[in-house]
Amino acid sequence: MSPLEILGTGFFILILLLGIFSILFGIPGTVIILIDAALYAALTGFDRIGWKTLATLLVLSILAELSDFAIGMAGAVKFGASKQSLIASVAGSIVGAAMLAPFLLGIGAVMGAFIGGFAAVFIVETLKQFNMKPALRAAWGTFIGRAAGICVKGAFALAMTAITLSGVYG
């Protein structure tokens, strides 16, 4: 292997890891992994990663994104969140992530997304129901659903990375 190939492979693996890590920030990391694998396959002439592998990664990426969304929404709805609070949760997560991103070397964005989403649902449900107990329950359900969705999507991302690396090194 030439030094250029080693550097390219190292960059490829770095992007795979970035895809896994980006899931914590609400970024579709499975799509990053899919694009990285497709670029690597194209640059290597589909020698190590073939069309079957790319099709498998595409299906897993779609399933991961749908699962993340469905689990997050199911958790919120199960605990009593309304449609308005689900929209507020997304907005609150974005605002919270943006506000706390500079702290803790970027990890503040993860905390901000959770705190912002929780706070937004709590505020909307409190204003809607004039009762803190169901509002707190709905906010907690949103938090739990989001965390579970991230865990499931993370498992998909790990599987996709393992499939990709086994294609490259297998």
N, C-alpha and C. Protein backbone atom coordinates (compact mmCIF):
# COMPACT_ATOMS: atom_id res chain seq x y z
N MET A 1 0.84 -1.17 0.00
CA MET A 1 0.00 0.00 0.00
C MET A 1 0.89 1.24 0.00
N SER A 2 0.58 2.19 -0.85
CA SER A 2 1.36 3.42 -0.92
C SER A 2 0.94 4.36 0.21
N PRO A 3 1.79 5.32 0.52
CA PRO A 3 1.43 6.28 1.57
C PRO A 3 0.13 7.03 1.26
N LEU A 4 -0.13 7.31 0.00
CA LEU A 4 -1.36 7.99 -0.38
C LEU A 4 -2.58 7.11 -0.11
N GLU A 5 -2.48 5.82 -0.38
CA GLU A 5 -3.58 4.90 -0.10
C GLU A 5 -3.83 4.77 1.40
N ILE A 6 -2.76 4.74 2.17
CA ILE A 6 -2.89 4.65 3.62
C ILE A 6 -3.57 5.91 4.16
N LEU A 7 -3.17 7.07 3.65
CA LEU A 7 -3.78 8.33 4.07
C LEU A 7 -5.26 8.36 3.69
N GLY A 8 -5.58 7.91 2.49
CA GLY A 8 -6.98 7.87 2.04
C GLY A 8 -7.82 6.94 2.88
N THR A 9 -7.28 5.78 3.20
CA THR A 9 -8.00 4.82 4.03
C THR A 9 -8.19 5.36 5.45
N GLY A 10 -7.17 6.03 5.96
CA GLY A 10 -7.29 6.65 7.28
C GLY A 10 -8.37 7.71 7.31
N PHE A 11 -8.43 8.53 6.26
CA PHE A 11 -9.46 9.55 6.17
C PHE A 11 -10.85 8.91 6.08
N PHE A 12 -10.95 7.84 5.32
CA PHE A 12 -12.20 7.09 5.18
C PHE A 12 -12.69 6.60 6.54
N ILE A 13 -11.79 6.02 7.33
CA ILE A 13 -12.15 5.50 8.65
C ILE A 13 -12.52 6.64 9.59
N LEU A 14 -11.82 7.75 9.49
CA LEU A 14 -12.12 8.92 10.30
C LEU A 14 -13.54 9.43 10.03
N ILE A 15 -13.95 9.45 8.77
CA ILE A 15 -15.30 9.87 8.41
C ILE A 15 -16.34 8.88 8.94
N LEU A 16 -16.03 7.58 8.90
CA LEU A 16 -16.95 6.59 9.49
C LEU A 16 -17.17 6.88 10.97
N LEU A 17 -16.09 7.14 11.69
CA LEU A 17 -16.20 7.43 13.12
C LEU A 17 -16.95 8.74 13.36
N LEU A 18 -16.72 9.71 12.50
CA LEU A 18 -17.45 10.97 12.59
C LEU A 18 -18.95 10.73 12.39
N GLY A 19 -19.30 9.84 11.49
CA GLY A 19 -20.70 9.49 11.27
C GLY A 19 -21.34 8.91 12.52
N ILE A 20 -20.62 8.03 13.20
CA ILE A 20 -21.15 7.45 14.44
C ILE A 20 -21.31 8.53 15.50
N PHE A 21 -20.29 9.34 15.68
CA PHE A 21 -20.29 10.37 16.72
C PHE A 21 -21.34 11.45 16.45
N SER A 22 -21.58 11.75 15.19
CA SER A 22 -22.51 12.83 14.84
C SER A 22 -23.95 12.52 15.25
N ILE A 23 -24.26 11.26 15.45
CA ILE A 23 -25.61 10.87 15.86
C ILE A 23 -25.98 11.51 17.20
N LEU A 24 -24.99 11.67 18.07
CA LEU A 24 -25.26 12.30 19.36
C LEU A 24 -25.76 13.73 19.20
N PHE A 25 -25.37 14.39 18.11
CA PHE A 25 -25.74 15.78 17.87
C PHE A 25 -27.01 15.91 17.04
N GLY A 26 -27.68 14.81 16.76
CA GLY A 26 -28.90 14.85 15.98
C GLY A 26 -28.66 14.93 14.48
N ILE A 27 -27.43 14.77 14.07
CA ILE A 27 -27.08 14.78 12.64
C ILE A 27 -27.28 13.36 12.11
N PRO A 28 -27.81 13.22 10.90
CA PRO A 28 -28.02 11.86 10.36
C PRO A 28 -26.69 11.17 10.03
N GLY A 29 -26.06 10.63 11.03
CA GLY A 29 -24.76 9.99 10.88
C GLY A 29 -24.77 8.77 9.99
N THR A 30 -25.91 8.09 9.92
CA THR A 30 -25.98 6.91 9.06
C THR A 30 -25.86 7.32 7.59
N VAL A 31 -26.36 8.50 7.27
CA VAL A 31 -26.22 9.01 5.90
C VAL A 31 -24.77 9.35 5.61
N ILE A 32 -24.07 9.91 6.60
CA ILE A 32 -22.64 10.20 6.45
C ILE A 32 -21.87 8.91 6.19
N ILE A 33 -22.19 7.86 6.94
CA ILE A 33 -21.53 6.57 6.76
C ILE A 33 -21.82 6.02 5.36
N LEU A 34 -23.06 6.11 4.92
CA LEU A 34 -23.44 5.63 3.59
C LEU A 34 -22.69 6.38 2.49
N ILE A 35 -22.66 7.70 2.58
CA ILE A 35 -21.96 8.49 1.57
C ILE A 35 -20.46 8.19 1.58
N ASP A 36 -19.89 8.06 2.77
CA ASP A 36 -18.47 7.73 2.88
C ASP A 36 -18.17 6.39 2.23
N ALA A 37 -18.99 5.40 2.49
CA ALA A 37 -18.79 4.07 1.90
C ALA A 37 -18.96 4.12 0.38
N ALA A 38 -19.94 4.88 -0.11
CA ALA A 38 -20.17 4.99 -1.55
C ALA A 38 -18.99 5.68 -2.24
N LEU A 39 -18.47 6.73 -1.61
CA LEU A 39 -17.31 7.41 -2.19
C LEU A 39 -16.08 6.49 -2.21
N TYR A 40 -15.89 5.78 -1.11
CA TYR A 40 -14.76 4.85 -1.05
C TYR A 40 -14.91 3.76 -2.12
N ALA A 41 -16.11 3.25 -2.26
CA ALA A 41 -16.37 2.21 -3.26
C ALA A 41 -16.09 2.74 -4.66
N ALA A 42 -16.55 3.95 -4.94
CA ALA A 42 -16.34 4.53 -6.27
C ALA A 42 -14.85 4.79 -6.54
N LEU A 43 -14.14 5.28 -5.53
CA LEU A 43 -12.72 5.58 -5.70
C LEU A 43 -11.86 4.33 -5.85
N THR A 44 -12.33 3.22 -5.31
CA THR A 44 -11.58 1.97 -5.41
C THR A 44 -12.15 1.05 -6.50
N GLY A 45 -13.01 1.60 -7.34
CA GLY A 45 -13.57 0.81 -8.44
C GLY A 45 -14.52 -0.28 -7.99
N PHE A 46 -15.16 -0.09 -6.87
CA PHE A 46 -16.11 -1.07 -6.30
C PHE A 46 -15.45 -2.43 -6.10
N ASP A 47 -14.15 -2.39 -5.85
CA ASP A 47 -13.38 -3.61 -5.65
C ASP A 47 -13.62 -4.22 -4.27
N ARG A 48 -13.58 -3.38 -3.24
CA ARG A 48 -13.71 -3.88 -1.87
C ARG A 48 -15.13 -3.74 -1.33
N ILE A 49 -15.80 -2.68 -1.73
CA ILE A 49 -17.19 -2.46 -1.33
C ILE A 49 -18.01 -2.49 -2.61
N GLY A 50 -18.91 -3.46 -2.70
CA GLY A 50 -19.71 -3.64 -3.91
C GLY A 50 -21.10 -3.06 -3.78
N TRP A 51 -21.87 -3.27 -4.85
CA TRP A 51 -23.23 -2.75 -4.89
C TRP A 51 -24.13 -3.39 -3.85
N LYS A 52 -23.93 -4.68 -3.57
CA LYS A 52 -24.76 -5.35 -2.55
C LYS A 52 -24.55 -4.70 -1.18
N THR A 53 -23.30 -4.45 -0.88
CA THR A 53 -22.98 -3.82 0.40
C THR A 53 -23.59 -2.42 0.48
N LEU A 54 -23.47 -1.66 -0.61
CA LEU A 54 -24.04 -0.32 -0.62
C LEU A 54 -25.57 -0.36 -0.50
N ALA A 55 -26.20 -1.32 -1.14
CA ALA A 55 -27.66 -1.47 -1.03
C ALA A 55 -28.05 -1.80 0.41
N THR A 56 -27.29 -2.69 1.03
CA THR A 56 -27.53 -3.05 2.43
C THR A 56 -27.38 -1.82 3.33
N LEU A 57 -26.34 -1.03 3.09
CA LEU A 57 -26.12 0.18 3.88
C LEU A 57 -27.25 1.20 3.67
N LEU A 58 -27.74 1.29 2.46
CA LEU A 58 -28.85 2.20 2.18
C LEU A 58 -30.11 1.80 2.95
N VAL A 59 -30.42 0.52 2.92
CA VAL A 59 -31.60 0.02 3.66
C VAL A 59 -31.42 0.26 5.16
N LEU A 60 -30.24 -0.02 5.68
CA LEU A 60 -29.99 0.19 7.11
C LEU A 60 -30.08 1.67 7.48
N SER A 61 -29.58 2.52 6.61
CA SER A 61 -29.64 3.96 6.87
C SER A 61 -31.09 4.45 6.93
N ILE A 62 -31.90 4.01 5.99
CA ILE A 62 -33.31 4.39 5.98
C ILE A 62 -34.02 3.86 7.22
N LEU A 63 -33.77 2.61 7.56
CA LEU A 63 -34.38 2.03 8.76
C LEU A 63 -33.94 2.76 10.02
N ALA A 64 -32.67 3.15 10.08
CA ALA A 64 -32.16 3.86 11.26
C ALA A 64 -32.85 5.20 11.43
N GLU A 65 -32.97 5.96 10.35
CA GLU A 65 -33.59 7.27 10.45
C GLU A 65 -35.08 7.16 10.79
N LEU A 66 -35.76 6.21 10.17
CA LEU A 66 -37.18 6.01 10.48
C LEU A 66 -37.38 5.54 11.92
N SER A 67 -36.51 4.63 12.37
CA SER A 67 -36.61 4.13 13.74
C SER A 67 -36.38 5.23 14.75
N ASP A 68 -35.37 6.04 14.52
CA ASP A 68 -35.06 7.15 15.42
C ASP A 68 -36.27 8.08 15.55
N PHE A 69 -36.84 8.44 14.42
CA PHE A 69 -38.00 9.34 14.43
C PHE A 69 -39.19 8.68 15.13
N ALA A 70 -39.48 7.44 14.75
CA ALA A 70 -40.65 6.74 15.31
C ALA A 70 -40.52 6.52 16.81
N ILE A 71 -39.35 6.12 17.26
CA ILE A 71 -39.15 5.87 18.69
C ILE A 71 -39.25 7.17 19.47
N GLY A 72 -38.65 8.22 18.95
CA GLY A 72 -38.73 9.51 19.63
C GLY A 72 -40.16 10.01 19.75
N MET A 73 -40.90 9.90 18.67
CA MET A 73 -42.30 10.35 18.69
C MET A 73 -43.15 9.44 19.57
N ALA A 74 -42.91 8.15 19.52
CA ALA A 74 -43.69 7.21 20.33
C ALA A 74 -43.49 7.48 21.82
N GLY A 75 -42.26 7.75 22.20
CA GLY A 75 -41.99 8.06 23.60
C GLY A 75 -42.71 9.31 24.04
N ALA A 76 -42.69 10.32 23.19
CA ALA A 76 -43.35 11.58 23.52
C ALA A 76 -44.87 11.40 23.62
N VAL A 77 -45.43 10.74 22.63
CA VAL A 77 -46.89 10.56 22.59
C VAL A 77 -47.36 9.67 23.75
N LYS A 78 -46.59 8.64 24.04
CA LYS A 78 -46.97 7.72 25.12
C LYS A 78 -47.07 8.44 26.46
N PHE A 79 -46.25 9.45 26.64
CA PHE A 79 -46.25 10.19 27.89
C PHE A 79 -47.12 11.45 27.82
N GLY A 80 -47.90 11.60 26.74
CA GLY A 80 -48.90 12.66 26.68
C GLY A 80 -48.52 13.93 25.96
N ALA A 81 -47.49 13.93 25.17
CA ALA A 81 -47.11 15.14 24.44
C ALA A 81 -48.07 15.39 23.27
N SER A 82 -48.40 16.64 23.05
CA SER A 82 -49.29 17.01 21.96
C SER A 82 -48.48 17.28 20.69
N LYS A 83 -49.18 17.47 19.58
CA LYS A 83 -48.51 17.78 18.31
C LYS A 83 -47.73 19.09 18.42
N GLN A 84 -48.31 20.06 19.09
CA GLN A 84 -47.63 21.35 19.25
C GLN A 84 -46.33 21.20 20.03
N SER A 85 -46.35 20.36 21.06
CA SER A 85 -45.14 20.20 21.86
C SER A 85 -44.08 19.39 21.12
N LEU A 86 -44.50 18.51 20.19
CA LEU A 86 -43.53 17.79 19.38
C LEU A 86 -42.77 18.75 18.46
N ILE A 87 -43.51 19.69 17.88
CA ILE A 87 -42.87 20.72 17.05
C ILE A 87 -41.97 21.60 17.91
N ALA A 88 -42.45 21.95 19.08
CA ALA A 88 -41.66 22.77 20.00
C ALA A 88 -40.40 22.03 20.45
N SER A 89 -40.51 20.72 20.59
CA SER A 89 -39.36 19.92 20.99
C SER A 89 -38.23 20.02 19.97
N VAL A 90 -38.59 19.94 18.70
CA VAL A 90 -37.58 20.05 17.64
C VAL A 90 -36.92 21.43 17.68
N ALA A 91 -37.76 22.47 17.77
CA ALA A 91 -37.24 23.84 17.81
C ALA A 91 -36.39 24.06 19.06
N GLY A 92 -36.88 23.58 20.19
CA GLY A 92 -36.13 23.72 21.45
C GLY A 92 -34.81 22.98 21.42
N SER A 93 -34.79 21.81 20.79
CA SER A 93 -33.55 21.05 20.68
C SER A 93 -32.52 21.80 19.85
N ILE A 94 -32.97 22.40 18.76
CA ILE A 94 -32.05 23.16 17.90
C ILE A 94 -31.51 24.38 18.63
N VAL A 95 -32.39 25.12 19.28
CA VAL A 95 -31.96 26.31 20.02
C VAL A 95 -31.03 25.92 21.17
N GLY A 96 -31.41 24.90 21.92
CA GLY A 96 -30.57 24.46 23.04
C GLY A 96 -29.20 23.99 22.58
N ALA A 97 -29.17 23.24 21.49
CA ALA A 97 -27.88 22.77 20.97
C ALA A 97 -27.02 23.94 20.53
N ALA A 98 -27.62 24.91 19.86
CA ALA A 98 -26.86 26.08 19.40
C ALA A 98 -26.33 26.90 20.58
N MET A 99 -27.14 27.02 21.62
CA MET A 99 -26.73 27.83 22.76
C MET A 99 -25.62 27.19 23.58
N LEU A 100 -25.65 25.88 23.71
CA LEU A 100 -24.67 25.20 24.56
C LEU A 100 -23.51 24.58 23.78
N ALA A 101 -23.52 24.69 22.46
CA ALA A 101 -22.45 24.09 21.64
C ALA A 101 -21.05 24.56 22.03
N PRO A 102 -20.84 25.83 22.37
CA PRO A 102 -19.47 26.25 22.70
C PRO A 102 -18.91 25.66 24.00
N PHE A 103 -19.77 25.10 24.81
CA PHE A 103 -19.33 24.60 26.11
C PHE A 103 -18.95 23.12 26.06
N LEU A 104 -18.01 22.74 26.90
CA LEU A 104 -17.56 21.36 27.06
C LEU A 104 -17.07 20.76 25.74
N LEU A 105 -16.32 21.52 25.00
CA LEU A 105 -15.72 21.06 23.74
C LEU A 105 -16.75 20.53 22.75
N GLY A 106 -17.88 21.18 22.66
CA GLY A 106 -18.92 20.77 21.72
C GLY A 106 -19.94 19.80 22.29
N ILE A 107 -19.59 19.14 23.37
CA ILE A 107 -20.52 18.19 23.97
C ILE A 107 -21.71 18.92 24.57
N GLY A 108 -21.55 20.22 24.82
CA GLY A 108 -22.65 21.03 25.30
C GLY A 108 -23.82 21.02 24.34
N ALA A 109 -23.55 20.81 23.04
CA ALA A 109 -24.63 20.75 22.05
C ALA A 109 -25.55 19.56 22.32
N VAL A 110 -24.99 18.45 22.73
CA VAL A 110 -25.80 17.27 23.06
C VAL A 110 -26.68 17.58 24.26
N MET A 111 -26.06 18.12 25.29
CA MET A 111 -26.83 18.48 26.49
C MET A 111 -27.87 19.54 26.15
N GLY A 112 -27.49 20.52 25.33
CA GLY A 112 -28.42 21.58 24.94
C GLY A 112 -29.61 21.05 24.17
N ALA A 113 -29.37 20.08 23.30
CA ALA A 113 -30.48 19.50 22.53
C ALA A 113 -31.48 18.82 23.45
N PHE A 114 -30.98 18.09 24.42
CA PHE A 114 -31.87 17.41 25.36
C PHE A 114 -32.59 18.41 26.27
N ILE A 115 -31.84 19.36 26.81
CA ILE A 115 -32.42 20.35 27.72
C ILE A 115 -33.42 21.24 26.98
N GLY A 116 -33.03 21.68 25.77
CA GLY A 116 -33.92 22.55 24.99
C GLY A 116 -35.21 21.85 24.61
N GLY A 117 -35.11 20.61 24.17
CA GLY A 117 -36.31 19.85 23.83
C GLY A 117 -37.21 19.63 25.03
N PHE A 118 -36.59 19.27 26.15
CA PHE A 118 -37.34 19.05 27.39
C PHE A 118 -38.06 20.33 27.81
N ALA A 119 -37.32 21.43 27.82
CA ALA A 119 -37.89 22.72 28.26
C ALA A 119 -39.02 23.16 27.34
N ALA A 120 -38.84 23.00 26.03
CA ALA A 120 -39.86 23.43 25.08
C ALA A 120 -41.17 22.65 25.28
N VAL A 121 -41.06 21.34 25.44
CA VAL A 121 -42.26 20.53 25.66
C VAL A 121 -42.91 20.91 26.99
N PHE A 122 -42.10 21.09 28.01
CA PHE A 122 -42.63 21.46 29.32
C PHE A 122 -43.39 22.79 29.25
N ILE A 123 -42.82 23.77 28.58
CA ILE A 123 -43.46 25.09 28.48
C ILE A 123 -44.76 25.00 27.70
N VAL A 124 -44.72 24.35 26.54
CA VAL A 124 -45.92 24.25 25.71
C VAL A 124 -47.03 23.49 26.43
N GLU A 125 -46.69 22.38 27.04
CA GLU A 125 -47.72 21.58 27.73
C GLU A 125 -48.24 22.30 28.98
N THR A 126 -47.40 23.04 29.67
CA THR A 126 -47.86 23.80 30.84
C THR A 126 -48.83 24.89 30.41
N LEU A 127 -48.50 25.60 29.33
CA LEU A 127 -49.38 26.65 28.82
C LEU A 127 -50.69 26.06 28.29
N LYS A 128 -50.62 24.89 27.74
CA LYS A 128 -51.80 24.25 27.14
C LYS A 128 -52.73 23.67 28.21
N GLN A 129 -52.16 23.03 29.22
CA GLN A 129 -52.96 22.30 30.20
C GLN A 129 -53.10 23.02 31.55
N PHE A 130 -52.29 24.03 31.79
CA PHE A 130 -52.27 24.74 33.06
C PHE A 130 -52.06 23.79 34.24
N ASN A 131 -51.28 22.74 34.00
CA ASN A 131 -51.00 21.76 35.03
C ASN A 131 -49.57 21.26 34.82
N MET A 132 -48.76 21.38 35.86
CA MET A 132 -47.35 21.04 35.71
C MET A 132 -47.09 19.54 35.66
N LYS A 133 -47.89 18.75 36.35
CA LYS A 133 -47.62 17.32 36.41
C LYS A 133 -47.70 16.65 35.03
N PRO A 134 -48.78 16.82 34.25
CA PRO A 134 -48.80 16.21 32.92
C PRO A 134 -47.78 16.84 31.98
N ALA A 135 -47.48 18.12 32.19
CA ALA A 135 -46.47 18.78 31.35
C ALA A 135 -45.09 18.17 31.60
N LEU A 136 -44.79 17.94 32.86
CA LEU A 136 -43.51 17.31 33.21
C LEU A 136 -43.44 15.89 32.69
N ARG A 137 -44.54 15.18 32.76
CA ARG A 137 -44.60 13.81 32.23
C ARG A 137 -44.37 13.79 30.72
N ALA A 138 -45.00 14.70 29.99
CA ALA A 138 -44.82 14.77 28.54
C ALA A 138 -43.38 15.13 28.19
N ALA A 139 -42.80 16.07 28.93
CA ALA A 139 -41.41 16.46 28.68
C ALA A 139 -40.46 15.29 28.95
N TRP A 140 -40.72 14.56 30.01
CA TRP A 140 -39.89 13.40 30.33
C TRP A 140 -40.01 12.33 29.24
N GLY A 141 -41.22 12.11 28.74
CA GLY A 141 -41.42 11.14 27.67
C GLY A 141 -40.68 11.53 26.41
N THR A 142 -40.65 12.82 26.11
CA THR A 142 -39.90 13.30 24.95
C THR A 142 -38.41 13.04 25.13
N PHE A 143 -37.92 13.30 26.33
CA PHE A 143 -36.51 13.07 26.66
C PHE A 143 -36.15 11.59 26.51
N ILE A 144 -36.98 10.73 27.08
CA ILE A 144 -36.73 9.28 27.01
C ILE A 144 -36.81 8.78 25.57
N GLY A 145 -37.82 9.24 24.83
CA GLY A 145 -37.95 8.84 23.44
C GLY A 145 -36.77 9.25 22.60
N ARG A 146 -36.29 10.48 22.82
CA ARG A 146 -35.13 10.96 22.06
C ARG A 146 -33.89 10.14 22.40
N ALA A 147 -33.68 9.87 23.67
CA ALA A 147 -32.52 9.08 24.08
C ALA A 147 -32.58 7.66 23.51
N ALA A 148 -33.75 7.06 23.55
CA ALA A 148 -33.91 5.71 22.99
C ALA A 148 -33.68 5.71 21.49
N GLY A 149 -34.20 6.73 20.81
CA GLY A 149 -34.00 6.84 19.36
C GLY A 149 -32.54 6.97 19.00
N ILE A 150 -31.80 7.76 19.76
CA ILE A 150 -30.36 7.93 19.52
C ILE A 150 -29.63 6.61 19.74
N CYS A 151 -30.01 5.87 20.76
CA CYS A 151 -29.37 4.57 21.02
C CYS A 151 -29.62 3.59 19.88
N VAL A 152 -30.85 3.55 19.39
CA VAL A 152 -31.18 2.64 18.29
C VAL A 152 -30.43 3.06 17.02
N LYS A 153 -30.43 4.36 16.73
CA LYS A 153 -29.73 4.83 15.53
C LYS A 153 -28.22 4.58 15.67
N GLY A 154 -27.70 4.73 16.88
CA GLY A 154 -26.29 4.44 17.12
C GLY A 154 -25.95 2.98 16.86
N ALA A 155 -26.86 2.09 17.24
CA ALA A 155 -26.65 0.66 16.98
C ALA A 155 -26.64 0.39 15.47
N PHE A 156 -27.54 1.03 14.75
CA PHE A 156 -27.53 0.90 13.29
C PHE A 156 -26.21 1.42 12.71
N ALA A 157 -25.75 2.56 13.22
CA ALA A 157 -24.50 3.14 12.71
C ALA A 157 -23.31 2.22 12.98
N LEU A 158 -23.28 1.62 14.15
CA LEU A 158 -22.20 0.67 14.46
C LEU A 158 -22.25 -0.54 13.53
N ALA A 159 -23.45 -1.04 13.27
CA ALA A 159 -23.60 -2.17 12.35
C ALA A 159 -23.16 -1.79 10.95
N MET A 160 -23.54 -0.60 10.51
CA MET A 160 -23.15 -0.13 9.17
C MET A 160 -21.64 0.01 9.07
N THR A 161 -21.03 0.52 10.13
CA THR A 161 -19.57 0.68 10.13
C THR A 161 -18.89 -0.68 10.09
N ALA A 162 -19.41 -1.63 10.86
CA ALA A 162 -18.82 -2.98 10.86
C ALA A 162 -18.96 -3.63 9.48
N ILE A 163 -20.10 -3.48 8.84
CA ILE A 163 -20.31 -4.04 7.51
C ILE A 163 -19.35 -3.40 6.52
N THR A 164 -19.21 -2.09 6.60
CA THR A 164 -18.32 -1.36 5.68
C THR A 164 -16.87 -1.79 5.88
N LEU A 165 -16.42 -1.82 7.13
CA LEU A 165 -15.03 -2.19 7.39
C LEU A 165 -14.75 -3.65 7.06
N SER A 166 -15.74 -4.53 7.22
CA SER A 166 -15.53 -5.92 6.85
C SER A 166 -15.41 -6.05 5.33
N GLY A 167 -16.09 -5.18 4.61
CA GLY A 167 -15.95 -5.17 3.16
C GLY A 167 -14.56 -4.69 2.74
N VAL A 168 -14.04 -3.72 3.45
CA VAL A 168 -12.73 -3.18 3.11
C VAL A 168 -11.60 -4.13 3.53
N TYR A 169 -11.71 -4.67 4.73
CA TYR A 169 -10.61 -5.49 5.26
C TYR A 169 -10.89 -6.98 5.26
N GLY A 170 -12.07 -7.39 4.83
CA GLY A 170 -12.43 -8.81 4.89
C GLY A 170 -11.98 -9.60 3.72
